[in-house]
């Protein structure tokens, strides 16, 4: 499986801005760094990992942070849908058989979820989605590119997941839903994650 990890360079004031409203920019950045580094350790050992980073001038910064052994691809311009489309299309064009897109802020996303997604895709499922409790998703995986899943989606919205699933239904895609998990957007989410995952 190709795992596309969509990240921002860890700069104060640009990452986890809702979290920063109560903990401050620097602390929010430190939490973000901790979450991303933890997520990398929980990816499947056989995964082909690509770091899709923003802004596009942060390549060297990302390599110093996460190491030279990963693949680094600057995100394109546009909204999240444009960036997901670009990344997924590129991965499949370069020979990926299955592709999963994730962020770095869902501490409950661990190796078994990727295996479940891969197993579903290798059977008769077209799409695997991991819902978040706030109406979004923490993982979306597929075995071929479906750009319509990323078009005219209300991103960072309580209807993100529902609209995505509606697109899948409109295109007759077989969908598997993983167990819902919480991502870390606000201080309460972080406090919950610390108690659940010993962070």
C-alpha atoms as a PDB file:
ATOM      1  CA  UNK A   1       0.000   0.000   0.000  1.00  0.00           C
ATOM      2  CA  UNK A   2       1.116   3.537  -0.778  1.00  0.00           C
ATOM      3  CA  UNK A   3       0.447   5.787   2.221  1.00  0.00           C
ATOM      4  CA  UNK A   4       0.241   9.476   1.384  1.00  0.00           C
ATOM      5  CA  UNK A   5       0.798  11.513   4.544  1.00  0.00           C
ATOM      6  CA  UNK A   6      -0.404  15.099   4.082  1.00  0.00           C
ATOM      7  CA  UNK A   7       1.530  17.442   6.353  1.00  0.00           C
ATOM      8  CA  UNK A   8       2.438  21.059   6.921  1.00  0.00           C
ATOM      9  CA  UNK A   9       5.898  22.239   7.857  1.00  0.00           C
ATOM     10  CA  UNK A  10       6.022  22.591  11.662  1.00  0.00           C
ATOM     11  CA  UNK A  11       5.998  26.353  11.960  1.00  0.00           C
ATOM     12  CA  UNK A  12       4.348  28.240  14.836  1.00  0.00           C
ATOM     13  CA  UNK A  13       1.080  29.853  13.826  1.00  0.00           C
ATOM     14  CA  UNK A  14       0.528  27.656  10.773  1.00  0.00           C
ATOM     15  CA  UNK A  15      -0.265  24.233  12.261  1.00  0.00           C
ATOM     16  CA  UNK A  16      -3.114  23.216  14.565  1.00  0.00           C
ATOM     17  CA  UNK A  17      -4.490  26.753  14.631  1.00  0.00           C
ATOM     18  CA  UNK A  18      -7.687  25.806  16.487  1.00  0.00           C
ATOM     19  CA  UNK A  19      -5.620  24.054  19.138  1.00  0.00           C
ATOM     20  CA  UNK A  20      -3.364  27.112  19.308  1.00  0.00           C
ATOM     21  CA  UNK A  21      -6.309  29.300  20.301  1.00  0.00           C
ATOM     22  CA  UNK A  22      -6.057  27.899  23.825  1.00  0.00           C
ATOM     23  CA  UNK A  23      -2.541  26.454  24.149  1.00  0.00           C
ATOM     24  CA  UNK A  24      -0.586  28.988  22.084  1.00  0.00           C
ATOM     25  CA  UNK A  25       1.220  28.701  18.758  1.00  0.00           C
ATOM     26  CA  UNK A  26       4.433  27.112  20.024  1.00  0.00           C
ATOM     27  CA  UNK A  27       2.706  24.484  22.164  1.00  0.00           C
ATOM     28  CA  UNK A  28       0.342  23.632  19.293  1.00  0.00           C
ATOM     29  CA  UNK A  29       3.352  23.146  17.022  1.00  0.00           C
ATOM     30  CA  UNK A  30       5.040  20.888  19.595  1.00  0.00           C
ATOM     31  CA  UNK A  31       1.888  18.765  19.876  1.00  0.00           C
ATOM     32  CA  UNK A  32       1.678  18.546  16.092  1.00  0.00           C
ATOM     33  CA  UNK A  33       5.281  17.364  15.875  1.00  0.00           C
ATOM     34  CA  UNK A  34       4.635  14.725  18.529  1.00  0.00           C
ATOM     35  CA  UNK A  35       1.501  13.463  16.749  1.00  0.00           C
ATOM     36  CA  UNK A  36       3.166  13.242  13.339  1.00  0.00           C
ATOM     37  CA  UNK A  37       6.238  11.440  14.643  1.00  0.00           C
ATOM     38  CA  UNK A  38       3.994   8.972  16.455  1.00  0.00           C
ATOM     39  CA  UNK A  39       1.908   8.403  13.334  1.00  0.00           C
ATOM     40  CA  UNK A  40       4.973   7.568  11.276  1.00  0.00           C
ATOM     41  CA  UNK A  41       5.940   4.871  13.761  1.00  0.00           C
ATOM     42  CA  UNK A  42       2.481   3.297  13.467  1.00  0.00           C
ATOM     43  CA  UNK A  43       2.453   2.879   9.693  1.00  0.00           C
ATOM     44  CA  UNK A  44       2.759  -0.641   8.239  1.00  0.00           C
ATOM     45  CA  UNK A  45       6.359  -1.748   7.794  1.00  0.00           C
ATOM     46  CA  UNK A  46       5.785  -2.623   4.140  1.00  0.00           C
ATOM     47  CA  UNK A  47       4.069   0.659   3.254  1.00  0.00           C
ATOM     48  CA  UNK A  48       5.488   2.959   0.588  1.00  0.00           C
ATOM     49  CA  UNK A  49       5.310   6.259   2.458  1.00  0.00           C
ATOM     50  CA  UNK A  50       5.107   9.601   0.682  1.00  0.00           C
ATOM     51  CA  UNK A  51       5.187  12.886   2.574  1.00  0.00           C
ATOM     52  CA  UNK A  52       3.028  15.438   0.755  1.00  0.00           C
ATOM     53  CA  UNK A  53       4.078  18.698   2.331  1.00  0.00           C
ATOM     54  CA  UNK A  54       3.133  22.356   2.364  1.00  0.00           C
ATOM     55  CA  UNK A  55       4.258  25.006   1.758  1.00  0.00           C
ATOM     56  CA  UNK A  56       6.194  23.947  -1.349  1.00  0.00           C
ATOM     57  CA  UNK A  57       9.433  25.601  -0.187  1.00  0.00           C
ATOM     58  CA  UNK A  58       9.646  23.374   2.911  1.00  0.00           C
ATOM     59  CA  UNK A  59      11.299  20.327   1.353  1.00  0.00           C
ATOM     60  CA  UNK A  60      14.631  20.621   3.131  1.00  0.00           C
ATOM     61  CA  UNK A  61      12.887  21.474   6.389  1.00  0.00           C
ATOM     62  CA  UNK A  62      10.746  18.342   6.133  1.00  0.00           C
ATOM     63  CA  UNK A  63      13.737  16.103   5.345  1.00  0.00           C
ATOM     64  CA  UNK A  64      15.648  17.391   8.364  1.00  0.00           C
ATOM     65  CA  UNK A  65      12.620  16.706  10.517  1.00  0.00           C
ATOM     66  CA  UNK A  66      11.491  13.281   9.273  1.00  0.00           C
ATOM     67  CA  UNK A  67      14.599  11.832   7.620  1.00  0.00           C
ATOM     68  CA  UNK A  68      16.004  11.290   4.149  1.00  0.00           C
ATOM     69  CA  UNK A  69      14.615   7.781   3.608  1.00  0.00           C
ATOM     70  CA  UNK A  70      11.050   8.927   2.840  1.00  0.00           C
ATOM     71  CA  UNK A  71       9.701  10.336  -0.423  1.00  0.00           C
ATOM     72  CA  UNK A  72       8.834  14.046  -0.329  1.00  0.00           C
ATOM     73  CA  UNK A  73       6.358  15.659  -2.703  1.00  0.00           C
ATOM     74  CA  UNK A  74       5.242  19.301  -2.476  1.00  0.00           C
ATOM     75  CA  UNK A  75       1.487  19.751  -2.397  1.00  0.00           C
ATOM     76  CA  UNK A  76      -0.063  21.556  -5.342  1.00  0.00           C
ATOM     77  CA  UNK A  77      -2.000  24.801  -5.093  1.00  0.00           C
ATOM     78  CA  UNK A  78      -5.728  24.735  -4.368  1.00  0.00           C
ATOM     79  CA  UNK A  79      -7.981  23.316  -1.686  1.00  0.00           C
ATOM     80  CA  UNK A  80      -7.592  19.964   0.035  1.00  0.00           C
ATOM     81  CA  UNK A  81      -9.540  18.262  -2.727  1.00  0.00           C
ATOM     82  CA  UNK A  82      -7.104  19.520  -5.356  1.00  0.00           C
ATOM     83  CA  UNK A  83      -4.148  18.351  -3.269  1.00  0.00           C
ATOM     84  CA  UNK A  84      -5.641  14.915  -2.650  1.00  0.00           C
ATOM     85  CA  UNK A  85      -6.474  14.521  -6.333  1.00  0.00           C
ATOM     86  CA  UNK A  86      -2.948  15.443  -7.363  1.00  0.00           C
ATOM     87  CA  UNK A  87      -1.357  13.066  -4.871  1.00  0.00           C
ATOM     88  CA  UNK A  88      -3.602  10.088  -5.621  1.00  0.00           C
ATOM     89  CA  UNK A  89      -3.352  10.518  -9.381  1.00  0.00           C
ATOM     90  CA  UNK A  90       0.439  10.711  -9.161  1.00  0.00           C
ATOM     91  CA  UNK A  91       0.693   7.600  -6.976  1.00  0.00           C
ATOM     92  CA  UNK A  92      -1.424   5.488  -9.305  1.00  0.00           C
ATOM     93  CA  UNK A  93       0.386   6.826 -12.375  1.00  0.00           C
ATOM     94  CA  UNK A  94       3.641   5.630 -10.817  1.00  0.00           C
ATOM     95  CA  UNK A  95       2.343   2.105 -10.261  1.00  0.00           C
ATOM     96  CA  UNK A  96       0.649   2.029  -6.866  1.00  0.00           C
ATOM     97  CA  UNK A  97      -1.892  -0.779  -6.461  1.00  0.00           C
ATOM     98  CA  UNK A  98      -3.649   0.691  -3.437  1.00  0.00           C
ATOM     99  CA  UNK A  99      -3.407   4.214  -2.031  1.00  0.00           C
ATOM    100  CA  UNK A 100      -4.345   5.540   1.414  1.00  0.00           C
ATOM    101  CA  UNK A 101      -4.400   9.245   2.273  1.00  0.00           C
ATOM    102  CA  UNK A 102      -4.040  10.329   5.882  1.00  0.00           C
ATOM    103  CA  UNK A 103      -3.035  13.290   8.010  1.00  0.00           C
ATOM    104  CA  UNK A 104      -0.822  13.248  11.056  1.00  0.00           C
ATOM    105  CA  UNK A 105      -3.277  14.157  13.814  1.00  0.00           C
ATOM    106  CA  UNK A 106      -5.295  11.001  14.540  1.00  0.00           C
ATOM    107  CA  UNK A 107      -3.483   9.150  17.346  1.00  0.00           C
ATOM    108  CA  UNK A 108      -5.884   6.209  17.213  1.00  0.00           C
ATOM    109  CA  UNK A 109      -4.906   5.361  13.624  1.00  0.00           C
ATOM    110  CA  UNK A 110      -2.639   2.355  13.959  1.00  0.00           C
ATOM    111  CA  UNK A 111      -1.285  -0.484  11.829  1.00  0.00           C
ATOM    112  CA  UNK A 112      -4.355  -2.792  12.004  1.00  0.00           C
ATOM    113  CA  UNK A 113      -6.538  -0.162  10.302  1.00  0.00           C
ATOM    114  CA  UNK A 114      -4.250  -0.148   7.267  1.00  0.00           C
ATOM    115  CA  UNK A 115      -4.391  -3.938   7.065  1.00  0.00           C
ATOM    116  CA  UNK A 116      -8.172  -3.841   7.278  1.00  0.00           C
ATOM    117  CA  UNK A 117      -8.252  -1.255   4.486  1.00  0.00           C
ATOM    118  CA  UNK A 118      -5.877  -3.225   2.272  1.00  0.00           C
ATOM    119  CA  UNK A 119      -7.791  -6.469   2.803  1.00  0.00           C
ATOM    120  CA  UNK A 120     -11.086  -4.787   1.876  1.00  0.00           C
ATOM    121  CA  UNK A 121      -9.622  -3.273  -1.291  1.00  0.00           C
ATOM    122  CA  UNK A 122      -8.089  -6.575  -2.367  1.00  0.00           C
ATOM    123  CA  UNK A 123     -11.523  -8.180  -2.125  1.00  0.00           C
ATOM    124  CA  UNK A 124     -14.502  -6.437  -3.719  1.00  0.00           C
ATOM    125  CA  UNK A 125     -14.420  -2.995  -2.123  1.00  0.00           C
ATOM    126  CA  UNK A 126     -13.651   0.151  -4.121  1.00  0.00           C
ATOM    127  CA  UNK A 127     -13.210   2.539  -1.224  1.00  0.00           C
ATOM    128  CA  UNK A 128     -12.321   2.452   2.472  1.00  0.00           C
ATOM    129  CA  UNK A 129     -13.028   5.446   4.713  1.00  0.00           C
ATOM    130  CA  UNK A 130     -12.156   5.989   8.369  1.00  0.00           C
ATOM    131  CA  UNK A 131     -14.698   8.402   9.892  1.00  0.00           C
ATOM    132  CA  UNK A 132     -13.897  10.940  12.574  1.00  0.00           C
ATOM    133  CA  UNK A 133     -16.397  11.834  15.270  1.00  0.00           C
ATOM    134  CA  UNK A 134     -16.656  15.429  14.009  1.00  0.00           C
ATOM    135  CA  UNK A 135     -18.009  14.439  10.586  1.00  0.00           C
ATOM    136  CA  UNK A 136     -14.761  14.222   8.644  1.00  0.00           C
ATOM    137  CA  UNK A 137     -12.454  11.306   7.951  1.00  0.00           C
ATOM    138  CA  UNK A 138      -8.966  10.297   9.040  1.00  0.00           C
ATOM    139  CA  UNK A 139      -8.252   7.885   6.169  1.00  0.00           C
ATOM    140  CA  UNK A 140      -9.465   7.373   2.630  1.00  0.00           C
ATOM    141  CA  UNK A 141      -8.107   4.462   0.596  1.00  0.00           C
ATOM    142  CA  UNK A 142      -8.815   3.167  -2.901  1.00  0.00           C
ATOM    143  CA  UNK A 143      -7.494   0.876  -5.628  1.00  0.00           C
ATOM    144  CA  UNK A 144      -8.048   3.319  -8.485  1.00  0.00           C
ATOM    145  CA  UNK A 145      -8.369   7.064  -8.775  1.00  0.00           C
ATOM    146  CA  UNK A 146     -11.869   8.481  -8.248  1.00  0.00           C
ATOM    147  CA  UNK A 147     -11.428  12.277  -8.562  1.00  0.00           C
ATOM    148  CA  UNK A 148     -15.136  12.901  -8.011  1.00  0.00           C
ATOM    149  CA  UNK A 149     -14.618  11.965  -4.357  1.00  0.00           C
ATOM    150  CA  UNK A 150     -12.585  15.143  -3.896  1.00  0.00           C
ATOM    151  CA  UNK A 151     -14.642  17.605  -5.961  1.00  0.00           C
ATOM    152  CA  UNK A 152     -16.936  20.186  -4.340  1.00  0.00           C
ATOM    153  CA  UNK A 153     -16.537  18.677  -0.888  1.00  0.00           C
ATOM    154  CA  UNK A 154     -17.096  20.911   2.185  1.00  0.00           C
ATOM    155  CA  UNK A 155     -13.688  20.406   3.802  1.00  0.00           C
ATOM    156  CA  UNK A 156     -13.222  20.745   7.587  1.00  0.00           C
ATOM    157  CA  UNK A 157     -16.992  20.570   7.966  1.00  0.00           C
ATOM    158  CA  UNK A 158     -19.394  18.289   9.803  1.00  0.00           C
ATOM    159  CA  UNK A 159     -20.725  17.147   6.413  1.00  0.00           C
ATOM    160  CA  UNK A 160     -17.350  16.221   4.879  1.00  0.00           C
ATOM    161  CA  UNK A 161     -17.855  12.498   5.375  1.00  0.00           C
ATOM    162  CA  UNK A 162     -21.525  12.475   4.383  1.00  0.00           C
ATOM    163  CA  UNK A 163     -20.921  14.316   1.123  1.00  0.00           C
ATOM    164  CA  UNK A 164     -17.975  12.042   0.327  1.00  0.00           C
ATOM    165  CA  UNK A 165     -20.109   8.945   0.888  1.00  0.00           C
ATOM    166  CA  UNK A 166     -22.854  10.481  -1.241  1.00  0.00           C
ATOM    167  CA  UNK A 167     -20.332  10.894  -4.070  1.00  0.00           C
ATOM    168  CA  UNK A 168     -19.337   7.257  -3.661  1.00  0.00           C
ATOM    169  CA  UNK A 169     -22.968   6.141  -3.840  1.00  0.00           C
ATOM    170  CA  UNK A 170     -23.589   8.267  -6.937  1.00  0.00           C
ATOM    171  CA  UNK A 171     -20.690   6.478  -8.605  1.00  0.00           C
ATOM    172  CA  UNK A 172     -21.759   2.992  -7.463  1.00  0.00           C
ATOM    173  CA  UNK A 173     -18.630   2.424  -5.383  1.00  0.00           C
ATOM    174  CA  UNK A 174     -18.558  -0.325  -2.766  1.00  0.00           C
ATOM    175  CA  UNK A 175     -17.489   1.274   0.519  1.00  0.00           C
ATOM    176  CA  UNK A 176     -16.096  -0.136   3.768  1.00  0.00           C
ATOM    177  CA  UNK A 177     -16.149   2.088   6.843  1.00  0.00           C
ATOM    178  CA  UNK A 178     -13.497   1.634   9.507  1.00  0.00           C
ATOM    179  CA  UNK A 179     -14.166   2.281  13.185  1.00  0.00           C
ATOM    180  CA  UNK A 180     -14.650   5.987  13.959  1.00  0.00           C
ATOM    181  CA  UNK A 181     -11.758   7.756  15.681  1.00  0.00           C
ATOM    182  CA  UNK A 182     -11.037  11.207  17.063  1.00  0.00           C
ATOM    183  CA  UNK A 183      -8.499  13.553  15.553  1.00  0.00           C
ATOM    184  CA  UNK A 184      -6.844  16.331  17.518  1.00  0.00           C
ATOM    185  CA  UNK A 185      -8.229  19.742  16.624  1.00  0.00           C
ATOM    186  CA  UNK A 186      -8.792  21.392  19.986  1.00  0.00           C
ATOM    187  CA  UNK A 187      -7.334  21.252  23.477  1.00  0.00           C
ATOM    188  CA  UNK A 188     -10.075  18.912  24.722  1.00  0.00           C
ATOM    189  CA  UNK A 189      -9.169  16.483  21.917  1.00  0.00           C
ATOM    190  CA  UNK A 190      -5.537  16.593  22.969  1.00  0.00           C
ATOM    191  CA  UNK A 191      -6.370  15.951  26.615  1.00  0.00           C
ATOM    192  CA  UNK A 192      -8.555  12.991  25.611  1.00  0.00           C
ATOM    193  CA  UNK A 193      -5.804  11.618  23.361  1.00  0.00           C
ATOM    194  CA  UNK A 194      -3.211  11.897  26.134  1.00  0.00           C
ATOM    195  CA  UNK A 195      -5.339   9.835  28.474  1.00  0.00           C
ATOM    196  CA  UNK A 196      -6.275   7.241  25.833  1.00  0.00           C
ATOM    197  CA  UNK A 197      -2.890   6.725  24.212  1.00  0.00           C
ATOM    198  CA  UNK A 198      -0.408   7.616  26.962  1.00  0.00           C
ATOM    199  CA  UNK A 199       0.993  10.592  25.052  1.00  0.00           C
END
